[in-house]
Amino acid sequence: MIKWNEYINDAKEDCPWLKEDIEQAEVWAALITQIIKRREELGISQRELAQICELPQSSIARMEAFTNIPKVSTVMKVIKPLGLKLQLVNT
């Protein structure tokens, strides 16, 4: 049986047109994972974070469930109270 990481790597190699989409999804997944991790470290519920950010709790839930890609403005509202910052780097 092929492992997930092997499948993704094969897909990137076999489908150059898909590689960029996969890499963008990986970046978003890493970002959202860090947001979830930090929220849990602080012991803040989704509902509490939403109230602090003045967002609906459903927005936090959808973001954390990876059911939508949030706007950058939404990400900025969420990361500030978590003590995080968005940083862009050359790759």
N, C-alpha and C. Protein backbone atom coordinates (compact mmCIF):
# COMPACT_ATOMS: atom_id res chain seq x y z
N MET A 1 0.85 -1.17 0.00
CA MET A 1 0.00 0.00 0.00
C MET A 1 0.90 1.24 0.00
N ILE A 2 0.55 2.22 -0.82
CA ILE A 2 1.33 3.46 -0.90
C ILE A 2 0.95 4.38 0.27
N LYS A 3 1.94 5.03 0.83
CA LYS A 3 1.72 5.95 1.94
C LYS A 3 1.33 7.32 1.38
N TRP A 4 0.64 8.11 2.20
CA TRP A 4 0.14 9.41 1.77
C TRP A 4 1.25 10.31 1.24
N ASN A 5 2.35 10.43 1.98
CA ASN A 5 3.45 11.30 1.53
C ASN A 5 4.03 10.84 0.20
N GLU A 6 4.11 9.55 0.01
CA GLU A 6 4.59 9.03 -1.27
C GLU A 6 3.62 9.38 -2.39
N TYR A 7 2.33 9.26 -2.10
CA TYR A 7 1.31 9.59 -3.08
C TYR A 7 1.41 11.06 -3.48
N ILE A 8 1.54 11.95 -2.49
CA ILE A 8 1.64 13.39 -2.77
C ILE A 8 2.88 13.69 -3.58
N ASN A 9 4.01 13.11 -3.20
CA ASN A 9 5.25 13.34 -3.95
C ASN A 9 5.14 12.83 -5.39
N ASP A 10 4.53 11.67 -5.56
CA ASP A 10 4.32 11.14 -6.91
C ASP A 10 3.41 12.06 -7.72
N ALA A 11 2.36 12.55 -7.08
CA ALA A 11 1.42 13.44 -7.77
C ALA A 11 2.12 14.72 -8.21
N LYS A 12 2.98 15.25 -7.36
CA LYS A 12 3.72 16.47 -7.71
C LYS A 12 4.63 16.22 -8.90
N GLU A 13 5.25 15.07 -8.94
CA GLU A 13 6.16 14.74 -10.05
C GLU A 13 5.40 14.43 -11.34
N ASP A 14 4.30 13.71 -11.22
CA ASP A 14 3.56 13.26 -12.40
C ASP A 14 2.67 14.35 -12.99
N CYS A 15 2.25 15.29 -12.19
CA CYS A 15 1.30 16.32 -12.64
C CYS A 15 1.82 17.71 -12.30
N PRO A 16 2.68 18.27 -13.14
CA PRO A 16 3.22 19.59 -12.85
C PRO A 16 2.14 20.65 -12.63
N TRP A 17 1.02 20.51 -13.31
CA TRP A 17 -0.07 21.47 -13.16
C TRP A 17 -0.74 21.36 -11.79
N LEU A 18 -0.60 20.20 -11.14
CA LEU A 18 -1.19 19.98 -9.83
C LEU A 18 -0.21 20.34 -8.71
N LYS A 19 1.07 20.36 -9.00
CA LYS A 19 2.10 20.61 -7.99
C LYS A 19 1.86 21.91 -7.23
N GLU A 20 1.58 22.99 -7.95
CA GLU A 20 1.38 24.28 -7.30
C GLU A 20 0.18 24.26 -6.37
N ASP A 21 -0.91 23.63 -6.80
CA ASP A 21 -2.10 23.54 -5.94
C ASP A 21 -1.80 22.75 -4.67
N ILE A 22 -1.08 21.65 -4.81
CA ILE A 22 -0.74 20.83 -3.64
C ILE A 22 0.14 21.63 -2.68
N GLU A 23 1.12 22.33 -3.22
CA GLU A 23 2.03 23.10 -2.36
C GLU A 23 1.29 24.24 -1.66
N GLN A 24 0.35 24.88 -2.33
CA GLN A 24 -0.44 25.92 -1.68
C GLN A 24 -1.29 25.33 -0.56
N ALA A 25 -1.87 24.17 -0.81
CA ALA A 25 -2.67 23.51 0.23
C ALA A 25 -1.81 23.14 1.43
N GLU A 26 -0.58 22.71 1.17
CA GLU A 26 0.34 22.37 2.27
C GLU A 26 0.68 23.59 3.10
N VAL A 27 0.85 24.74 2.46
CA VAL A 27 1.15 25.98 3.19
C VAL A 27 -0.03 26.36 4.08
N TRP A 28 -1.25 26.33 3.51
CA TRP A 28 -2.43 26.66 4.31
C TRP A 28 -2.61 25.67 5.46
N ALA A 29 -2.38 24.39 5.20
CA ALA A 29 -2.53 23.38 6.25
C ALA A 29 -1.54 23.63 7.38
N ALA A 30 -0.31 24.00 7.05
CA ALA A 30 0.69 24.29 8.08
C ALA A 30 0.29 25.51 8.89
N LEU A 31 -0.23 26.53 8.22
CA LEU A 31 -0.66 27.75 8.90
C LEU A 31 -1.80 27.47 9.86
N ILE A 32 -2.82 26.79 9.38
CA ILE A 32 -3.98 26.49 10.21
C ILE A 32 -3.60 25.56 11.36
N THR A 33 -2.72 24.63 11.11
CA THR A 33 -2.26 23.72 12.16
C THR A 33 -1.59 24.51 13.29
N GLN A 34 -0.80 25.50 12.93
CA GLN A 34 -0.15 26.33 13.95
C GLN A 34 -1.17 27.15 14.75
N ILE A 35 -2.20 27.64 14.07
CA ILE A 35 -3.25 28.38 14.76
C ILE A 35 -3.96 27.48 15.77
N ILE A 36 -4.31 26.27 15.35
CA ILE A 36 -4.99 25.33 16.25
C ILE A 36 -4.09 24.99 17.44
N LYS A 37 -2.83 24.70 17.15
CA LYS A 37 -1.89 24.34 18.21
C LYS A 37 -1.77 25.46 19.24
N ARG A 38 -1.64 26.69 18.77
CA ARG A 38 -1.48 27.82 19.69
C ARG A 38 -2.76 28.06 20.49
N ARG A 39 -3.92 27.96 19.83
CA ARG A 39 -5.18 28.14 20.55
C ARG A 39 -5.31 27.12 21.67
N GLU A 40 -4.96 25.88 21.36
CA GLU A 40 -5.04 24.82 22.37
C GLU A 40 -4.02 25.02 23.48
N GLU A 41 -2.81 25.48 23.14
CA GLU A 41 -1.79 25.77 24.16
C GLU A 41 -2.30 26.82 25.15
N LEU A 42 -3.03 27.80 24.65
CA LEU A 42 -3.56 28.88 25.50
C LEU A 42 -4.84 28.47 26.21
N GLY A 43 -5.39 27.31 25.87
CA GLY A 43 -6.61 26.85 26.50
C GLY A 43 -7.84 27.66 26.11
N ILE A 44 -7.83 28.17 24.89
CA ILE A 44 -8.94 28.99 24.39
C ILE A 44 -9.82 28.13 23.50
N SER A 45 -11.12 28.18 23.72
CA SER A 45 -12.04 27.44 22.85
C SER A 45 -12.24 28.21 21.55
N GLN A 46 -12.80 27.53 20.58
CA GLN A 46 -13.13 28.20 19.32
C GLN A 46 -14.08 29.37 19.58
N ARG A 47 -15.03 29.13 20.42
CA ARG A 47 -16.02 30.17 20.73
C ARG A 47 -15.35 31.39 21.37
N GLU A 48 -14.46 31.15 22.32
CA GLU A 48 -13.75 32.26 22.96
C GLU A 48 -12.88 33.02 21.96
N LEU A 49 -12.17 32.29 21.11
CA LEU A 49 -11.33 32.95 20.11
C LEU A 49 -12.19 33.78 19.17
N ALA A 50 -13.30 33.23 18.76
CA ALA A 50 -14.20 33.96 17.87
C ALA A 50 -14.68 35.26 18.51
N GLN A 51 -15.03 35.21 19.79
CA GLN A 51 -15.48 36.42 20.49
C GLN A 51 -14.37 37.47 20.55
N ILE A 52 -13.16 37.03 20.86
CA ILE A 52 -12.02 37.95 20.92
C ILE A 52 -11.79 38.60 19.56
N CYS A 53 -11.93 37.82 18.49
CA CYS A 53 -11.65 38.29 17.13
C CYS A 53 -12.85 38.97 16.49
N GLU A 54 -13.98 38.95 17.18
CA GLU A 54 -15.23 39.50 16.65
C GLU A 54 -15.62 38.82 15.33
N LEU A 55 -15.54 37.50 15.36
CA LEU A 55 -15.91 36.66 14.22
C LEU A 55 -16.95 35.64 14.69
N PRO A 56 -17.74 35.10 13.78
CA PRO A 56 -18.64 34.01 14.17
C PRO A 56 -17.81 32.76 14.53
N GLN A 57 -18.28 32.01 15.51
CA GLN A 57 -17.59 30.78 15.89
C GLN A 57 -17.51 29.83 14.71
N SER A 58 -18.52 29.87 13.85
CA SER A 58 -18.52 28.98 12.69
C SER A 58 -17.35 29.28 11.74
N SER A 59 -16.90 30.52 11.70
CA SER A 59 -15.74 30.86 10.85
C SER A 59 -14.49 30.18 11.37
N ILE A 60 -14.31 30.18 12.69
CA ILE A 60 -13.16 29.51 13.28
C ILE A 60 -13.25 28.01 13.03
N ALA A 61 -14.44 27.45 13.23
CA ALA A 61 -14.64 26.01 13.03
C ALA A 61 -14.35 25.60 11.59
N ARG A 62 -14.86 26.36 10.63
CA ARG A 62 -14.63 26.02 9.21
C ARG A 62 -13.15 26.13 8.87
N MET A 63 -12.49 27.15 9.40
CA MET A 63 -11.06 27.32 9.14
C MET A 63 -10.29 26.13 9.71
N GLU A 64 -10.58 25.77 10.95
CA GLU A 64 -9.85 24.68 11.61
C GLU A 64 -10.18 23.32 11.00
N ALA A 65 -11.33 23.18 10.40
CA ALA A 65 -11.71 21.91 9.76
C ALA A 65 -11.22 21.83 8.32
N PHE A 66 -10.56 22.89 7.87
CA PHE A 66 -10.04 22.96 6.49
C PHE A 66 -11.16 22.86 5.46
N THR A 67 -12.34 23.37 5.80
CA THR A 67 -13.43 23.34 4.83
C THR A 67 -13.48 24.58 3.96
N ASN A 68 -12.69 25.58 4.32
CA ASN A 68 -12.55 26.75 3.46
C ASN A 68 -11.18 27.37 3.69
N ILE A 69 -10.77 28.16 2.73
CA ILE A 69 -9.52 28.91 2.88
C ILE A 69 -9.90 30.31 3.32
N PRO A 70 -9.46 30.72 4.51
CA PRO A 70 -9.86 32.03 5.01
C PRO A 70 -9.17 33.16 4.25
N LYS A 71 -9.78 34.32 4.29
CA LYS A 71 -9.16 35.51 3.74
C LYS A 71 -7.95 35.86 4.61
N VAL A 72 -6.99 36.52 4.02
CA VAL A 72 -5.82 36.95 4.79
C VAL A 72 -6.25 37.87 5.93
N SER A 73 -7.24 38.71 5.69
CA SER A 73 -7.71 39.61 6.75
C SER A 73 -8.28 38.83 7.94
N THR A 74 -8.93 37.71 7.66
CA THR A 74 -9.45 36.87 8.74
C THR A 74 -8.30 36.22 9.50
N VAL A 75 -7.32 35.72 8.78
CA VAL A 75 -6.15 35.11 9.42
C VAL A 75 -5.49 36.13 10.34
N MET A 76 -5.35 37.36 9.88
CA MET A 76 -4.71 38.40 10.68
C MET A 76 -5.50 38.68 11.95
N LYS A 77 -6.84 38.68 11.86
CA LYS A 77 -7.68 38.89 13.05
C LYS A 77 -7.47 37.77 14.07
N VAL A 78 -7.24 36.56 13.57
CA VAL A 78 -7.15 35.39 14.44
C VAL A 78 -5.77 35.27 15.07
N ILE A 79 -4.71 35.53 14.32
CA ILE A 79 -3.38 35.26 14.85
C ILE A 79 -2.92 36.28 15.89
N LYS A 80 -3.38 37.51 15.78
CA LYS A 80 -2.92 38.55 16.71
C LYS A 80 -3.23 38.20 18.17
N PRO A 81 -4.47 37.88 18.53
CA PRO A 81 -4.74 37.55 19.93
C PRO A 81 -4.06 36.25 20.40
N LEU A 82 -3.61 35.45 19.45
CA LEU A 82 -2.90 34.22 19.81
C LEU A 82 -1.41 34.47 20.03
N GLY A 83 -0.99 35.71 19.80
CA GLY A 83 0.43 36.03 19.97
C GLY A 83 1.28 35.53 18.82
N LEU A 84 0.66 35.36 17.67
CA LEU A 84 1.38 34.89 16.48
C LEU A 84 1.51 36.03 15.50
N LYS A 85 2.43 35.89 14.55
CA LYS A 85 2.53 36.86 13.47
C LYS A 85 2.77 36.11 12.17
N LEU A 86 2.32 36.72 11.10
CA LEU A 86 2.50 36.15 9.78
C LEU A 86 3.81 36.67 9.22
N GLN A 87 4.62 35.77 8.73
CA GLN A 87 5.92 36.15 8.20
C GLN A 87 6.10 35.53 6.83
N LEU A 88 6.51 36.33 5.88
CA LEU A 88 6.78 35.85 4.53
C LEU A 88 8.28 35.70 4.36
N VAL A 89 8.69 34.60 3.74
CA VAL A 89 10.10 34.35 3.52
C VAL A 89 10.33 33.93 2.08
N ASN A 90 11.52 34.19 1.57
CA ASN A 90 11.88 33.71 0.25
C ASN A 90 12.08 32.21 0.29
N THR A 91 11.64 31.54 -0.75
CA THR A 91 11.84 30.09 -0.79
C THR A 91 12.77 29.73 -1.92
